[in-house]
């Protein structure tokens, strides 16, 4: 699995973990819902700014997207 594929899969896992639809995530991040879907399918590469917005909304550190999936269920404290 490439790094891009890993990040794409993790984005969807985190969004689903929080119960957010594409529309929910779009409203919370300002990212167009169709683009979020493309990021999650690996059709587009996510920018750093959007990655940060995604992680801010889900309260997960960016680095958690690069680690084992079990880390995704551990949101940051504070």
C-alpha atoms as a PDB file:
ATOM      1  CA  UNK A   1       0.000   0.000   0.000  1.00  0.00           C
ATOM      2  CA  UNK A   2       1.349   3.411  -0.934  1.00  0.00           C
ATOM      3  CA  UNK A   3       1.357   6.338   1.456  1.00  0.00           C
ATOM      4  CA  UNK A   4      -1.372   8.040  -0.605  1.00  0.00           C
ATOM      5  CA  UNK A   5      -3.537   4.916  -0.385  1.00  0.00           C
ATOM      6  CA  UNK A   6      -2.938   4.678   3.356  1.00  0.00           C
ATOM      7  CA  UNK A   7      -3.958   8.289   3.945  1.00  0.00           C
ATOM      8  CA  UNK A   8      -7.023   7.910   1.706  1.00  0.00           C
ATOM      9  CA  UNK A   9      -8.175   4.854   3.648  1.00  0.00           C
ATOM     10  CA  UNK A  10      -7.531   6.536   6.994  1.00  0.00           C
ATOM     11  CA  UNK A  11      -9.509   9.641   6.035  1.00  0.00           C
ATOM     12  CA  UNK A  12     -12.596   7.538   5.420  1.00  0.00           C
ATOM     13  CA  UNK A  13     -12.041   5.470   8.590  1.00  0.00           C
ATOM     14  CA  UNK A  14     -11.773   8.582  10.753  1.00  0.00           C
ATOM     15  CA  UNK A  15     -14.814  10.230   9.159  1.00  0.00           C
ATOM     16  CA  UNK A  16     -16.893   7.083   9.583  1.00  0.00           C
ATOM     17  CA  UNK A  17     -15.655   6.586  13.148  1.00  0.00           C
ATOM     18  CA  UNK A  18     -17.121   9.981  14.022  1.00  0.00           C
ATOM     19  CA  UNK A  19     -20.338   9.237  12.140  1.00  0.00           C
ATOM     20  CA  UNK A  20     -19.866  12.149   9.734  1.00  0.00           C
ATOM     21  CA  UNK A  21     -21.361  12.007   6.258  1.00  0.00           C
ATOM     22  CA  UNK A  22     -19.523  13.612   3.362  1.00  0.00           C
ATOM     23  CA  UNK A  23     -21.927  16.544   3.697  1.00  0.00           C
ATOM     24  CA  UNK A  24     -21.227  16.855   7.451  1.00  0.00           C
ATOM     25  CA  UNK A  25     -17.493  16.875   6.848  1.00  0.00           C
ATOM     26  CA  UNK A  26     -17.871  19.374   4.030  1.00  0.00           C
ATOM     27  CA  UNK A  27     -19.815  21.773   6.242  1.00  0.00           C
ATOM     28  CA  UNK A  28     -17.306  21.447   9.074  1.00  0.00           C
ATOM     29  CA  UNK A  29     -14.137  21.777   6.978  1.00  0.00           C
ATOM     30  CA  UNK A  30     -15.197  23.966   4.075  1.00  0.00           C
ATOM     31  CA  UNK A  31     -14.003  21.277   1.672  1.00  0.00           C
ATOM     32  CA  UNK A  32     -16.427  20.406  -1.141  1.00  0.00           C
ATOM     33  CA  UNK A  33     -18.084  17.032  -0.414  1.00  0.00           C
ATOM     34  CA  UNK A  34     -17.213  15.602  -3.840  1.00  0.00           C
ATOM     35  CA  UNK A  35     -13.552  16.445  -3.226  1.00  0.00           C
ATOM     36  CA  UNK A  36     -13.623  14.695   0.154  1.00  0.00           C
ATOM     37  CA  UNK A  37     -14.972  11.588  -1.579  1.00  0.00           C
ATOM     38  CA  UNK A  38     -12.184  11.791  -4.146  1.00  0.00           C
ATOM     39  CA  UNK A  39      -9.567  12.171  -1.402  1.00  0.00           C
ATOM     40  CA  UNK A  40     -10.958   9.087   0.325  1.00  0.00           C
ATOM     41  CA  UNK A  41     -10.911   7.048  -2.891  1.00  0.00           C
ATOM     42  CA  UNK A  42      -7.394   8.210  -3.710  1.00  0.00           C
ATOM     43  CA  UNK A  43      -8.541  10.015  -6.854  1.00  0.00           C
ATOM     44  CA  UNK A  44      -7.158  13.330  -5.570  1.00  0.00           C
ATOM     45  CA  UNK A  45      -4.230  13.979  -3.291  1.00  0.00           C
ATOM     46  CA  UNK A  46      -5.214  15.987  -0.266  1.00  0.00           C
ATOM     47  CA  UNK A  47      -3.394  19.249   0.437  1.00  0.00           C
ATOM     48  CA  UNK A  48      -1.742  19.930   3.760  1.00  0.00           C
ATOM     49  CA  UNK A  49      -4.263  22.682   4.505  1.00  0.00           C
ATOM     50  CA  UNK A  50      -7.221  20.348   3.950  1.00  0.00           C
ATOM     51  CA  UNK A  51      -5.530  17.573   5.885  1.00  0.00           C
ATOM     52  CA  UNK A  52      -5.127  19.948   8.821  1.00  0.00           C
ATOM     53  CA  UNK A  53      -8.791  21.027   8.573  1.00  0.00           C
ATOM     54  CA  UNK A  54      -9.892  17.387   8.512  1.00  0.00           C
ATOM     55  CA  UNK A  55      -7.819  16.573  11.576  1.00  0.00           C
ATOM     56  CA  UNK A  56      -8.969  19.690  13.433  1.00  0.00           C
ATOM     57  CA  UNK A  57     -12.627  18.724  12.923  1.00  0.00           C
ATOM     58  CA  UNK A  58     -12.080  15.109  13.999  1.00  0.00           C
ATOM     59  CA  UNK A  59      -9.653  16.051  16.790  1.00  0.00           C
ATOM     60  CA  UNK A  60      -7.041  13.597  15.524  1.00  0.00           C
ATOM     61  CA  UNK A  61      -3.388  14.554  15.083  1.00  0.00           C
ATOM     62  CA  UNK A  62      -2.200  14.519  11.469  1.00  0.00           C
ATOM     63  CA  UNK A  63       0.441  11.940  12.309  1.00  0.00           C
ATOM     64  CA  UNK A  64      -2.279   9.461  13.366  1.00  0.00           C
ATOM     65  CA  UNK A  65      -3.237   9.134   9.698  1.00  0.00           C
ATOM     66  CA  UNK A  66       0.188   7.623   9.038  1.00  0.00           C
ATOM     67  CA  UNK A  67       0.027   5.024  11.803  1.00  0.00           C
ATOM     68  CA  UNK A  68      -1.788   1.809  12.553  1.00  0.00           C
ATOM     69  CA  UNK A  69      -5.568   2.036  12.334  1.00  0.00           C
ATOM     70  CA  UNK A  70      -5.911   1.447  16.086  1.00  0.00           C
ATOM     71  CA  UNK A  71      -4.480   4.921  16.642  1.00  0.00           C
ATOM     72  CA  UNK A  72      -7.468   6.449  14.890  1.00  0.00           C
ATOM     73  CA  UNK A  73      -9.792   5.600  17.730  1.00  0.00           C
ATOM     74  CA  UNK A  74      -7.701   7.639  20.155  1.00  0.00           C
ATOM     75  CA  UNK A  75      -8.553  11.325  19.666  1.00  0.00           C
ATOM     76  CA  UNK A  76      -6.330  13.965  21.222  1.00  0.00           C
ATOM     77  CA  UNK A  77      -7.134  15.227  24.661  1.00  0.00           C
ATOM     78  CA  UNK A  78      -7.571  18.901  25.411  1.00  0.00           C
END
